[in-house]
Amino acid sequence: MPTCVQCGAEVGFLGSLSFNKQTGRCSKCDSETKQALTRFSTAFLYFCSDGILTAEKWAKLSAGAAYDRLNINEAKVFIRGDVLNLLDRLLTFATANGYITEAAHCLLYLLPPCYRE
């Protein structure tokens, strides 16, 4: 029987039917993680609604992720599309203005390494 990587519970026969083999989580933990990722994404969009993601805002996002026991790398991958949209907007403005803001520079570090090249 599989064991959940998040809560350590060994799932029984019925639990193995809903066990997420990709994440290694039981259905309860998988559901909680999906809800936490949605909260993280919503918070990210709220903090970036003015087009700026400061270090302070990122610290609050990271603290929220830690509180929800989210893996920060999984959370970053989850918001990748939102990050790319915000970065596209910031780079469009940077092109028009002739300089890259600190906010745009910070967003580059949110992207997983494979998207930075």
PDB file of N, CA and C in Angstrom:
ATOM      1  N   MET A   1       0.829  -1.189   0.000  1.00  0.00           N
ATOM      2  CA  MET A   1       0.000   0.000   0.000  1.00  0.00           C
ATOM      3  C   MET A   1       0.874   1.254   0.000  1.00  0.00           C
ATOM      4  N   PRO A   2       0.472   2.253  -0.782  1.00  0.00           N
ATOM      5  CA  PRO A   2       1.251   3.493  -0.835  1.00  0.00           C
ATOM      6  C   PRO A   2       1.144   4.303   0.461  1.00  0.00           C
ATOM      7  N   THR A   3       2.165   5.125   0.687  1.00  0.00           N
ATOM      8  CA  THR A   3       2.208   6.007   1.845  1.00  0.00           C
ATOM      9  C   THR A   3       2.250   7.446   1.348  1.00  0.00           C
ATOM     10  N   CYS A   4       1.428   8.292   1.944  1.00  0.00           N
ATOM     11  CA  CYS A   4       1.366   9.704   1.558  1.00  0.00           C
ATOM     12  C   CYS A   4       2.659  10.405   1.972  1.00  0.00           C
ATOM     13  N   VAL A   5       3.268  11.128   1.045  1.00  0.00           N
ATOM     14  CA  VAL A   5       4.511  11.839   1.339  1.00  0.00           C
ATOM     15  C   VAL A   5       4.287  13.068   2.218  1.00  0.00           C
ATOM     16  N   GLN A   6       3.057  13.537   2.278  1.00  0.00           N
ATOM     17  CA  GLN A   6       2.784  14.750   3.055  1.00  0.00           C
ATOM     18  C   GLN A   6       2.420  14.430   4.503  1.00  0.00           C
ATOM     19  N   CYS A   7       1.474  13.521   4.709  1.00  0.00           N
ATOM     20  CA  CYS A   7       1.028  13.234   6.079  1.00  0.00           C
ATOM     21  C   CYS A   7       1.604  11.934   6.625  1.00  0.00           C
ATOM     22  N   GLY A   8       2.193  11.123   5.762  1.00  0.00           N
ATOM     23  CA  GLY A   8       2.804   9.874   6.203  1.00  0.00           C
ATOM     24  C   GLY A   8       1.829   8.740   6.411  1.00  0.00           C
ATOM     25  N   ALA A   9       0.554   8.973   6.115  1.00  0.00           N
ATOM     26  CA  ALA A   9      -0.451   7.930   6.307  1.00  0.00           C
ATOM     27  C   ALA A   9      -0.328   6.865   5.227  1.00  0.00           C
ATOM     28  N   GLU A  10      -0.500   5.643   5.675  1.00  0.00           N
ATOM     29  CA  GLU A  10      -0.519   4.535   4.723  1.00  0.00           C
ATOM     30  C   GLU A  10      -1.958   4.369   4.271  1.00  0.00           C
ATOM     31  N   VAL A  11      -2.171   4.495   2.979  1.00  0.00           N
ATOM     32  CA  VAL A  11      -3.539   4.416   2.470  1.00  0.00           C
ATOM     33  C   VAL A  11      -3.934   2.953   2.292  1.00  0.00           C
ATOM     34  N   GLY A  12      -5.190   2.680   2.556  1.00  0.00           N
ATOM     35  CA  GLY A  12      -5.698   1.320   2.396  1.00  0.00           C
ATOM     36  C   GLY A  12      -6.100   1.053   0.961  1.00  0.00           C
ATOM     37  N   PHE A  13      -6.816  -0.023   0.781  1.00  0.00           N
ATOM     38  CA  PHE A  13      -7.230  -0.411  -0.565  1.00  0.00           C
ATOM     39  C   PHE A  13      -8.092   0.663  -1.217  1.00  0.00           C
ATOM     40  N   LEU A  14      -9.120   1.153  -0.504  1.00  0.00           N
ATOM     41  CA  LEU A  14      -9.988   2.188  -1.068  1.00  0.00           C
ATOM     42  C   LEU A  14      -9.227   3.493  -1.274  1.00  0.00           C
ATOM     43  N   GLY A  15      -8.348   3.824  -0.341  1.00  0.00           N
ATOM     44  CA  GLY A  15      -7.551   5.041  -0.471  1.00  0.00           C
ATOM     45  C   GLY A  15      -6.594   4.987  -1.645  1.00  0.00           C
ATOM     46  N   SER A  16      -6.142   3.789  -1.967  1.00  0.00           N
ATOM     47  CA  SER A  16      -5.207   3.653  -3.093  1.00  0.00           C
ATOM     48  C   SER A  16      -5.876   3.960  -4.422  1.00  0.00           C
ATOM     49  N   LEU A  17      -7.210   3.853  -4.462  1.00  0.00           N
ATOM     50  CA  LEU A  17      -7.933   4.170  -5.698  1.00  0.00           C
ATOM     51  C   LEU A  17      -7.898   5.664  -5.997  1.00  0.00           C
ATOM     52  N   SER A  18      -7.863   6.487  -4.942  1.00  0.00           N
ATOM     53  CA  SER A  18      -7.829   7.949  -5.138  1.00  0.00           C
ATOM     54  C   SER A  18      -6.455   8.531  -4.839  1.00  0.00           C
ATOM     55  N   PHE A  19      -5.477   7.691  -4.567  1.00  0.00           N
ATOM     56  CA  PHE A  19      -4.115   8.134  -4.286  1.00  0.00           C
ATOM     57  C   PHE A  19      -3.497   8.755  -5.539  1.00  0.00           C
ATOM     58  N   ASN A  20      -2.929   9.943  -5.401  1.00  0.00           N
ATOM     59  CA  ASN A  20      -2.317  10.625  -6.546  1.00  0.00           C
ATOM     60  C   ASN A  20      -0.879  10.132  -6.688  1.00  0.00           C
ATOM     61  N   LYS A  21      -0.651   9.309  -7.695  1.00  0.00           N
ATOM     62  CA  LYS A  21       0.678   8.723  -7.884  1.00  0.00           C
ATOM     63  C   LYS A  21       1.708   9.755  -8.345  1.00  0.00           C
ATOM     64  N   GLN A  22       1.265  10.803  -9.023  1.00  0.00           N
ATOM     65  CA  GLN A  22       2.198  11.836  -9.491  1.00  0.00           C
ATOM     66  C   GLN A  22       2.772  12.635  -8.331  1.00  0.00           C
ATOM     67  N   THR A  23       1.927  13.000  -7.382  1.00  0.00           N
ATOM     68  CA  THR A  23       2.385  13.815  -6.252  1.00  0.00           C
ATOM     69  C   THR A  23       2.761  12.976  -5.043  1.00  0.00           C
ATOM     70  N   GLY A  24       2.285  11.732  -4.998  1.00  0.00           N
ATOM     71  CA  GLY A  24       2.549  10.870  -3.859  1.00  0.00           C
ATOM     72  C   GLY A  24       1.698  11.218  -2.647  1.00  0.00           C
ATOM     73  N   ARG A  25       0.566  11.893  -2.895  1.00  0.00           N
ATOM     74  CA  ARG A  25      -0.292  12.336  -1.797  1.00  0.00           C
ATOM     75  C   ARG A  25      -1.598  11.545  -1.766  1.00  0.00           C
ATOM     76  N   CYS A  26      -2.107  11.390  -0.536  1.00  0.00           N
ATOM     77  CA  CYS A  26      -3.432  10.801  -0.376  1.00  0.00           C
ATOM     78  C   CYS A  26      -4.459  11.826  -0.862  1.00  0.00           C
ATOM     79  N   SER A  27      -5.684  11.401  -1.036  1.00  0.00           N
ATOM     80  CA  SER A  27      -6.696  12.303  -1.597  1.00  0.00           C
ATOM     81  C   SER A  27      -6.944  13.506  -0.693  1.00  0.00           C
ATOM     82  N   LYS A  28      -6.899  13.328   0.628  1.00  0.00           N
ATOM     83  CA  LYS A  28      -7.114  14.442   1.559  1.00  0.00           C
ATOM     84  C   LYS A  28      -6.002  15.481   1.409  1.00  0.00           C
ATOM     85  N   CYS A  29      -4.754  15.041   1.444  1.00  0.00           N
ATOM     86  CA  CYS A  29      -3.620  15.963   1.312  1.00  0.00           C
ATOM     87  C   CYS A  29      -3.574  16.591  -0.077  1.00  0.00           C
ATOM     88  N   ASP A  30      -3.927  15.817  -1.093  1.00  0.00           N
ATOM     89  CA  ASP A  30      -3.930  16.335  -2.457  1.00  0.00           C
ATOM     90  C   ASP A  30      -4.964  17.455  -2.589  1.00  0.00           C
ATOM     91  N   SER A  31      -6.139  17.252  -2.011  1.00  0.00           N
ATOM     92  CA  SER A  31      -7.190  18.268  -2.036  1.00  0.00           C
ATOM     93  C   SER A  31      -6.760  19.518  -1.270  1.00  0.00           C
ATOM     94  N   GLU A  32      -6.166  19.329  -0.092  1.00  0.00           N
ATOM     95  CA  GLU A  32      -5.697  20.468   0.706  1.00  0.00           C
ATOM     96  C   GLU A  32      -4.605  21.242  -0.023  1.00  0.00           C
ATOM     97  N   THR A  33      -3.721  20.532  -0.698  1.00  0.00           N
ATOM     98  CA  THR A  33      -2.643  21.186  -1.443  1.00  0.00           C
ATOM     99  C   THR A  33      -3.194  21.984  -2.612  1.00  0.00           C
ATOM    100  N   LYS A  34      -4.161  21.424  -3.319  1.00  0.00           N
ATOM    101  CA  LYS A  34      -4.768  22.156  -4.436  1.00  0.00           C
ATOM    102  C   LYS A  34      -5.437  23.433  -3.957  1.00  0.00           C
ATOM    103  N   GLN A  35      -6.116  23.365  -2.809  1.00  0.00           N
ATOM    104  CA  GLN A  35      -6.741  24.563  -2.242  1.00  0.00           C
ATOM    105  C   GLN A  35      -5.685  25.585  -1.832  1.00  0.00           C
ATOM    106  N   ALA A  36      -4.599  25.116  -1.230  1.00  0.00           N
ATOM    107  CA  ALA A  36      -3.519  26.017  -0.811  1.00  0.00           C
ATOM    108  C   ALA A  36      -2.848  26.664  -2.028  1.00  0.00           C
ATOM    109  N   LEU A  37      -2.670  25.903  -3.106  1.00  0.00           N
ATOM    110  CA  LEU A  37      -2.081  26.458  -4.325  1.00  0.00           C
ATOM    111  C   LEU A  37      -2.988  27.522  -4.932  1.00  0.00           C
ATOM    112  N   THR A  38      -4.284  27.302  -4.871  1.00  0.00           N
ATOM    113  CA  THR A  38      -5.241  28.292  -5.363  1.00  0.00           C
ATOM    114  C   THR A  38      -5.177  29.560  -4.523  1.00  0.00           C
ATOM    115  N   ARG A  39      -5.072  29.409  -3.187  1.00  0.00           N
ATOM    116  CA  ARG A  39      -4.921  30.582  -2.311  1.00  0.00           C
ATOM    117  C   ARG A  39      -3.632  31.331  -2.628  1.00  0.00           C
ATOM    118  N   PHE A  40      -2.546  30.594  -2.867  1.00  0.00           N
ATOM    119  CA  PHE A  40      -1.263  31.199  -3.192  1.00  0.00           C
ATOM    120  C   PHE A  40      -1.366  31.994  -4.492  1.00  0.00           C
ATOM    121  N   SER A  41      -2.004  31.409  -5.497  1.00  0.00           N
ATOM    122  CA  SER A  41      -2.173  32.082  -6.781  1.00  0.00           C
ATOM    123  C   SER A  41      -3.018  33.346  -6.630  1.00  0.00           C
ATOM    124  N   THR A  42      -4.098  33.250  -5.869  1.00  0.00           N
ATOM    125  CA  THR A  42      -4.963  34.407  -5.637  1.00  0.00           C
ATOM    126  C   THR A  42      -4.200  35.511  -4.922  1.00  0.00           C
ATOM    127  N   ALA A  43      -3.406  35.133  -3.923  1.00  0.00           N
ATOM    128  CA  ALA A  43      -2.598  36.119  -3.188  1.00  0.00           C
ATOM    129  C   ALA A  43      -1.563  36.755  -4.114  1.00  0.00           C
ATOM    130  N   PHE A  44      -0.937  35.938  -4.966  1.00  0.00           N
ATOM    131  CA  PHE A  44       0.048  36.475  -5.915  1.00  0.00           C
ATOM    132  C   PHE A  44      -0.602  37.517  -6.819  1.00  0.00           C
ATOM    133  N   LEU A  45      -1.754  37.196  -7.366  1.00  0.00           N
ATOM    134  CA  LEU A  45      -2.445  38.133  -8.254  1.00  0.00           C
ATOM    135  C   LEU A  45      -2.843  39.408  -7.502  1.00  0.00           C
ATOM    136  N   TYR A  46      -3.255  39.255  -6.250  1.00  0.00           N
ATOM    137  CA  TYR A  46      -3.608  40.426  -5.444  1.00  0.00           C
ATOM    138  C   TYR A  46      -2.379  41.303  -5.209  1.00  0.00           C
ATOM    139  N   PHE A  47      -1.276  40.686  -4.795  1.00  0.00           N
ATOM    140  CA  PHE A  47      -0.062  41.454  -4.511  1.00  0.00           C
ATOM    141  C   PHE A  47       0.511  42.115  -5.762  1.00  0.00           C
ATOM    142  N   CYS A  48       0.240  41.548  -6.917  1.00  0.00           N
ATOM    143  CA  CYS A  48       0.775  42.099  -8.167  1.00  0.00           C
ATOM    144  C   CYS A  48      -0.245  42.937  -8.917  1.00  0.00           C
ATOM    145  N   SER A  49      -1.380  43.210  -8.302  1.00  0.00           N
ATOM    146  CA  SER A  49      -2.430  43.950  -9.001  1.00  0.00           C
ATOM    147  C   SER A  49      -1.982  45.354  -9.402  1.00  0.00           C
ATOM    148  N   ASP A  50      -0.977  45.891  -8.698  1.00  0.00           N
ATOM    149  CA  ASP A  50      -0.454  47.204  -9.065  1.00  0.00           C
ATOM    150  C   ASP A  50       0.723  47.098 -10.039  1.00  0.00           C
ATOM    151  N   GLY A  51       1.054  45.876 -10.452  1.00  0.00           N
ATOM    152  CA  GLY A  51       2.134  45.670 -11.410  1.00  0.00           C
ATOM    153  C   GLY A  51       3.514  45.602 -10.784  1.00  0.00           C
ATOM    154  N   ILE A  52       3.572  45.568  -9.445  1.00  0.00           N
ATOM    155  CA  ILE A  52       4.861  45.560  -8.756  1.00  0.00           C
ATOM    156  C   ILE A  52       4.887  44.423  -7.744  1.00  0.00           C
ATOM    157  N   LEU A  53       5.934  43.636  -7.781  1.00  0.00           N
ATOM    158  CA  LEU A  53       6.143  42.600  -6.785  1.00  0.00           C
ATOM    159  C   LEU A  53       7.416  42.938  -6.033  1.00  0.00           C
ATOM    160  N   THR A  54       7.264  43.471  -4.845  1.00  0.00           N
ATOM    161  CA  THR A  54       8.421  43.858  -4.031  1.00  0.00           C
ATOM    162  C   THR A  54       8.920  42.667  -3.223  1.00  0.00           C
ATOM    163  N   ALA A  55      10.092  42.825  -2.645  1.00  0.00           N
ATOM    164  CA  ALA A  55      10.638  41.780  -1.781  1.00  0.00           C
ATOM    165  C   ALA A  55       9.724  41.565  -0.576  1.00  0.00           C
ATOM    166  N   GLU A  56       9.126  42.624  -0.072  1.00  0.00           N
ATOM    167  CA  GLU A  56       8.209  42.518   1.058  1.00  0.00           C
ATOM    168  C   GLU A  56       6.969  41.697   0.686  1.00  0.00           C
ATOM    169  N   LYS A  57       6.431  41.958  -0.499  1.00  0.00           N
ATOM    170  CA  LYS A  57       5.269  41.197  -0.948  1.00  0.00           C
ATOM    171  C   LYS A  57       5.637  39.726  -1.136  1.00  0.00           C
ATOM    172  N   TRP A  58       6.816  39.477  -1.701  1.00  0.00           N
ATOM    173  CA  TRP A  58       7.241  38.093  -1.896  1.00  0.00           C
ATOM    174  C   TRP A  58       7.427  37.403  -0.549  1.00  0.00           C
ATOM    175  N   ALA A  59       7.942  38.122   0.441  1.00  0.00           N
ATOM    176  CA  ALA A  59       8.110  37.550   1.778  1.00  0.00           C
ATOM    177  C   ALA A  59       6.753  37.152   2.364  1.00  0.00           C
ATOM    178  N   LYS A  60       5.742  37.981   2.142  1.00  0.00           N
ATOM    179  CA  LYS A  60       4.396  37.659   2.631  1.00  0.00           C
ATOM    180  C   LYS A  60       3.835  36.438   1.896  1.00  0.00           C
ATOM    181  N   LEU A  61       4.065  36.375   0.594  1.00  0.00           N
ATOM    182  CA  LEU A  61       3.620  35.208  -0.174  1.00  0.00           C
ATOM    183  C   LEU A  61       4.313  33.939   0.315  1.00  0.00           C
ATOM    184  N   SER A  62       5.609  34.028   0.535  1.00  0.00           N
ATOM    185  CA  SER A  62       6.377  32.873   1.010  1.00  0.00           C
ATOM    186  C   SER A  62       5.909  32.441   2.394  1.00  0.00           C
ATOM    187  N   ALA A  63       5.625  33.416   3.262  1.00  0.00           N
ATOM    188  CA  ALA A  63       5.137  33.101   4.606  1.00  0.00           C
ATOM    189  C   ALA A  63       3.780  32.397   4.525  1.00  0.00           C
ATOM    190  N   GLY A  64       2.919  32.859   3.622  1.00  0.00           N
ATOM    191  CA  GLY A  64       1.626  32.209   3.426  1.00  0.00           C
ATOM    192  C   GLY A  64       1.782  30.785   2.927  1.00  0.00           C
ATOM    193  N   ALA A  65       2.727  30.586   2.026  1.00  0.00           N
ATOM    194  CA  ALA A  65       2.985  29.240   1.515  1.00  0.00           C
ATOM    195  C   ALA A  65       3.503  28.334   2.630  1.00  0.00           C
ATOM    196  N   ALA A  66       4.396  28.857   3.444  1.00  0.00           N
ATOM    197  CA  ALA A  66       4.931  28.078   4.556  1.00  0.00           C
ATOM    198  C   ALA A  66       3.826  27.736   5.556  1.00  0.00           C
ATOM    199  N   TYR A  67       2.953  28.686   5.821  1.00  0.00           N
ATOM    200  CA  TYR A  67       1.834  28.453   6.733  1.00  0.00           C
ATOM    201  C   TYR A  67       0.935  27.335   6.211  1.00  0.00           C
ATOM    202  N   ASP A  68       0.722  27.316   4.900  1.00  0.00           N
ATOM    203  CA  ASP A  68      -0.101  26.281   4.272  1.00  0.00           C
ATOM    204  C   ASP A  68       0.678  24.992   3.996  1.00  0.00           C
ATOM    205  N   ARG A  69       1.937  24.954   4.415  1.00  0.00           N
ATOM    206  CA  ARG A  69       2.822  23.802   4.222  1.00  0.00           C
ATOM    207  C   ARG A  69       2.995  23.453   2.746  1.00  0.00           C
ATOM    208  N   LEU A  70       3.076  24.503   1.921  1.00  0.00           N
ATOM    209  CA  LEU A  70       3.296  24.299   0.489  1.00  0.00           C
ATOM    210  C   LEU A  70       4.787  24.217   0.208  1.00  0.00           C
ATOM    211  N   ASN A  71       5.134  23.393  -0.736  1.00  0.00           N
ATOM    212  CA  ASN A  71       6.486  23.385  -1.258  1.00  0.00           C
ATOM    213  C   ASN A  71       6.596  24.623  -2.145  1.00  0.00           C
ATOM    214  N   ILE A  72       7.536  25.515  -1.829  1.00  0.00           N
ATOM    215  CA  ILE A  72       7.618  26.792  -2.547  1.00  0.00           C
ATOM    216  C   ILE A  72       7.913  26.576  -4.030  1.00  0.00           C
ATOM    217  N   ASN A  73       8.665  25.545  -4.366  1.00  0.00           N
ATOM    218  CA  ASN A  73       8.943  25.283  -5.786  1.00  0.00           C
ATOM    219  C   ASN A  73       7.683  24.837  -6.518  1.00  0.00           C
ATOM    220  N   GLU A  74       6.867  24.027  -5.857  1.00  0.00           N
ATOM    221  CA  GLU A  74       5.595  23.606  -6.455  1.00  0.00           C
ATOM    222  C   GLU A  74       4.676  24.819  -6.629  1.00  0.00           C
ATOM    223  N   ALA A  75       4.683  25.713  -5.640  1.00  0.00           N
ATOM    224  CA  ALA A  75       3.864  26.929  -5.717  1.00  0.00           C
ATOM    225  C   ALA A  75       4.334  27.824  -6.870  1.00  0.00           C
ATOM    226  N   LYS A  76       5.645  27.942  -7.052  1.00  0.00           N
ATOM    227  CA  LYS A  76       6.179  28.753  -8.150  1.00  0.00           C
ATOM    228  C   LYS A  76       5.765  28.185  -9.506  1.00  0.00           C
ATOM    229  N   VAL A  77       5.840  26.878  -9.628  1.00  0.00           N
ATOM    230  CA  VAL A  77       5.435  26.243 -10.885  1.00  0.00           C
ATOM    231  C   VAL A  77       3.945  26.475 -11.122  1.00  0.00           C
ATOM    232  N   PHE A  78       3.144  26.428 -10.058  1.00  0.00           N
ATOM    233  CA  PHE A  78       1.707  26.610 -10.174  1.00  0.00           C
ATOM    234  C   PHE A  78       1.350  28.003 -10.701  1.00  0.00           C
ATOM    235  N   ILE A  79       2.110  29.035 -10.304  1.00  0.00           N
ATOM    236  CA  ILE A  79       1.799  30.407 -10.734  1.00  0.00           C
ATOM    237  C   ILE A  79       2.619  30.838 -11.951  1.00  0.00           C
ATOM    238  N   ARG A  80       3.307  29.899 -12.567  1.00  0.00           N
ATOM    239  CA  ARG A  80       4.184  30.228 -13.697  1.00  0.00           C
ATOM    240  C   ARG A  80       3.481  31.055 -14.766  1.00  0.00           C
ATOM    241  N   GLY A  81       2.261  30.678 -15.138  1.00  0.00           N
ATOM    242  CA  GLY A  81       1.524  31.419 -16.162  1.00  0.00           C
ATOM    243  C   GLY A  81       1.247  32.848 -15.735  1.00  0.00           C
ATOM    244  N   ASP A  82       0.876  33.024 -14.466  1.00  0.00           N
ATOM    245  CA  ASP A  82       0.626  34.371 -13.948  1.00  0.00           C
ATOM    246  C   ASP A  82       1.904  35.196 -13.924  1.00  0.00           C
ATOM    247  N   VAL A  83       3.014  34.556 -13.547  1.00  0.00           N
ATOM    248  CA  VAL A  83       4.309  35.244 -13.522  1.00  0.00           C
ATOM    249  C   VAL A  83       4.696  35.681 -14.930  1.00  0.00           C
ATOM    250  N   LEU A  84       4.519  34.787 -15.888  1.00  0.00           N
ATOM    251  CA  LEU A  84       4.873  35.117 -17.272  1.00  0.00           C
ATOM    252  C   LEU A  84       4.006  36.249 -17.819  1.00  0.00           C
ATOM    253  N   ASN A  85       2.713  36.248 -17.467  1.00  0.00           N
ATOM    254  CA  ASN A  85       1.837  37.345 -17.907  1.00  0.00           C
ATOM    255  C   ASN A  85       2.271  38.674 -17.308  1.00  0.00           C
ATOM    256  N   LEU A  86       2.580  38.678 -16.010  1.00  0.00           N
ATOM    257  CA  LEU A  86       3.030  39.901 -15.365  1.00  0.00           C
ATOM    258  C   LEU A  86       4.369  40.356 -15.932  1.00  0.00           C
ATOM    259  N   LEU A  87       5.264  39.419 -16.132  1.00  0.00           N
ATOM    260  CA  LEU A  87       6.565  39.749 -16.700  1.00  0.00           C
ATOM    261  C   LEU A  87       6.418  40.320 -18.108  1.00  0.00           C
ATOM    262  N   ASP A  88       5.519  39.760 -18.899  1.00  0.00           N
ATOM    263  CA  ASP A  88       5.273  40.267 -20.243  1.00  0.00           C
ATOM    264  C   ASP A  88       4.802  41.721 -20.193  1.00  0.00           C
ATOM    265  N   ARG A  89       3.873  42.004 -19.260  1.00  0.00           N
ATOM    266  CA  ARG A  89       3.397  43.385 -19.106  1.00  0.00           C
ATOM    267  C   ARG A  89       4.526  44.320 -18.692  1.00  0.00           C
ATOM    268  N   LEU A  90       5.332  43.876 -17.712  1.00  0.00           N
ATOM    269  CA  LEU A  90       6.428  44.723 -17.236  1.00  0.00           C
ATOM    270  C   LEU A  90       7.479  44.956 -18.316  1.00  0.00           C
ATOM    271  N   LEU A  91       7.777  43.913 -19.081  1.00  0.00           N
ATOM    272  CA  LEU A  91       8.778  44.066 -20.142  1.00  0.00           C
ATOM    273  C   LEU A  91       8.249  44.922 -21.290  1.00  0.00           C
ATOM    274  N   THR A  92       6.959  44.879 -21.530  1.00  0.00           N
ATOM    275  CA  THR A  92       6.354  45.753 -22.539  1.00  0.00           C
ATOM    276  C   THR A  92       6.525  47.214 -22.121  1.00  0.00           C
ATOM    277  N   PHE A  93       6.245  47.480 -20.840  1.00  0.00           N
ATOM    278  CA  PHE A  93       6.448  48.842 -20.317  1.00  0.00           C
ATOM    279  C   PHE A  93       7.925  49.221 -20.339  1.00  0.00           C
ATOM    280  N   ALA A  94       8.797  48.250 -19.998  1.00  0.00           N
ATOM    281  CA  ALA A  94      10.233  48.527 -19.980  1.00  0.00           C
ATOM    282  C   ALA A  94      10.735  48.878 -21.374  1.00  0.00           C
ATOM    283  N   THR A  95      10.227  48.182 -22.365  1.00  0.00           N
ATOM    284  CA  THR A  95      10.623  48.465 -23.741  1.00  0.00           C
ATOM    285  C   THR A  95      10.187  49.870 -24.144  1.00  0.00           C
ATOM    286  N   ALA A  96       8.977  50.220 -23.747  1.00  0.00           N
ATOM    287  CA  ALA A  96       8.469  51.550 -24.080  1.00  0.00           C
ATOM    288  C   ALA A  96       9.232  52.652 -23.348  1.00  0.00           C
ATOM    289  N   ASN A  97       9.619  52.375 -22.082  1.00  0.00           N
ATOM    290  CA  ASN A  97      10.303  53.387 -21.268  1.00  0.00           C
ATOM    291  C   ASN A  97      11.817  53.362 -21.397  1.00  0.00           C
ATOM    292  N   GLY A  98      12.350  52.251 -21.886  1.00  0.00           N
ATOM    293  CA  GLY A  98      13.793  52.163 -22.073  1.00  0.00           C
ATOM    294  C   GLY A  98      14.559  51.640 -20.871  1.00  0.00           C
ATOM    295  N   TYR A  99      13.885  51.129 -19.832  1.00  0.00           N
ATOM    296  CA  TYR A  99      14.594  50.550 -18.686  1.00  0.00           C
ATOM    297  C   TYR A  99      13.742  49.472 -18.023  1.00  0.00           C
ATOM    298  N   ILE A 100      14.435  48.569 -17.327  1.00  0.00           N
ATOM    299  CA  ILE A 100      13.756  47.485 -16.613  1.00  0.00           C
ATOM    300  C   ILE A 100      13.667  47.869 -15.139  1.00  0.00           C
ATOM    301  N   THR A 101      12.483  47.760 -14.586  1.00  0.00           N
ATOM    302  CA  THR A 101      12.271  48.111 -13.185  1.00  0.00           C
ATOM    303  C   THR A 101      12.772  47.009 -12.264  1.00  0.00           C
ATOM    304  N   GLU A 102      12.915  47.333 -11.000  1.00  0.00           N
ATOM    305  CA  GLU A 102      13.310  46.342 -10.004  1.00  0.00           C
ATOM    306  C   GLU A 102      12.266  45.232  -9.912  1.00  0.00           C
ATOM    307  N   ALA A 103      10.999  45.591 -10.082  1.00  0.00           N
ATOM    308  CA  ALA A 103       9.917  44.600 -10.015  1.00  0.00           C
ATOM    309  C   ALA A 103      10.082  43.547 -11.105  1.00  0.00           C
ATOM    310  N   ALA A 104      10.412  43.985 -12.322  1.00  0.00           N
ATOM    311  CA  ALA A 104      10.607  43.035 -13.417  1.00  0.00           C
ATOM    312  C   ALA A 104      11.813  42.155 -13.134  1.00  0.00           C
ATOM    313  N   HIS A 105      12.846  42.739 -12.594  1.00  0.00           N
ATOM    314  CA  HIS A 105      14.056  41.991 -12.262  1.00  0.00           C
ATOM    315  C   HIS A 105      13.742  40.925 -11.210  1.00  0.00           C
ATOM    316  N   CYS A 106      12.941  41.266 -10.200  1.00  0.00           N
ATOM    317  CA  CYS A 106      12.554  40.309  -9.149  1.00  0.00           C
ATOM    318  C   CYS A 106      11.744  39.157  -9.731  1.00  0.00           C
ATOM    319  N   LEU A 107      10.882  39.441 -10.694  1.00  0.00           N
ATOM    320  CA  LEU A 107      10.049  38.390 -11.283  1.00  0.00           C
ATOM    321  C   LEU A 107      10.881  37.318 -11.972  1.00  0.00           C
ATOM    322  N   LEU A 108      12.018  37.706 -12.514  1.00  0.00           N
ATOM    323  CA  LEU A 108      12.871  36.727 -13.188  1.00  0.00           C
ATOM    324  C   LEU A 108      13.306  35.627 -12.235  1.00  0.00           C
ATOM    325  N   TYR A 109      13.463  35.960 -10.956  1.00  0.00           N
ATOM    326  CA  TYR A 109      13.888  34.965  -9.986  1.00  0.00           C
ATOM    327  C   TYR A 109      12.763  34.034  -9.558  1.00  0.00           C
ATOM    328  N   LEU A 110      11.523  34.383  -9.854  1.00  0.00           N
ATOM    329  CA  LEU A 110      10.397  33.505  -9.548  1.00  0.00           C
ATOM    330  C   LEU A 110      10.269  32.384 -10.559  1.00  0.00           C
ATOM    331  N   LEU A 111      10.808  32.615 -11.722  1.00  0.00           N
ATOM    332  CA  LEU A 111      10.706  31.600 -12.774  1.00  0.00           C
ATOM    333  C   LEU A 111      11.617  30.429 -12.471  1.00  0.00           C
ATOM    334  N   PRO A 112      11.130  29.219 -12.675  1.00  0.00           N
ATOM    335  CA  PRO A 112      12.016  28.065 -12.520  1.00  0.00           C
ATOM    336  C   PRO A 112      13.202  28.225 -13.472  1.00  0.00           C
ATOM    337  N   PRO A 113      14.354  27.657 -13.114  1.00  0.00           N
ATOM    338  CA  PRO A 113      15.577  27.834 -13.924  1.00  0.00           C
ATOM    339  C   PRO A 113      15.394  27.535 -15.402  1.00  0.00           C
ATOM    340  N   CYS A 114      14.556  26.575 -15.742  1.00  0.00           N
ATOM    341  CA  CYS A 114      14.395  26.217 -17.157  1.00  0.00           C
ATOM    342  C   CYS A 114      13.732  27.332 -17.966  1.00  0.00           C
ATOM    343  N   TYR A 115      13.069  28.304 -17.309  1.00  0.00           N
ATOM    344  CA  TYR A 115      12.419  29.403 -18.015  1.00  0.00           C
ATOM    345  C   TYR A 115      13.270  30.662 -18.029  1.00  0.00           C
ATOM    346  N   ARG A 116      14.408  30.653 -17.366  1.00  0.00           N
ATOM    347  CA  ARG A 116      15.254  31.838 -17.285  1.00  0.00           C
ATOM    348  C   ARG A 116      16.222  31.937 -18.447  1.00  0.00           C
ATOM    349  N   GLU A 117      16.362  30.894 -19.210  1.00  0.00           N
ATOM    350  CA  GLU A 117      17.366  30.890 -20.284  1.00  0.00           C
ATOM    351  C   GLU A 117      16.844  31.531 -21.542  1.00  0.00           C
TER     352      GLU A 117
END
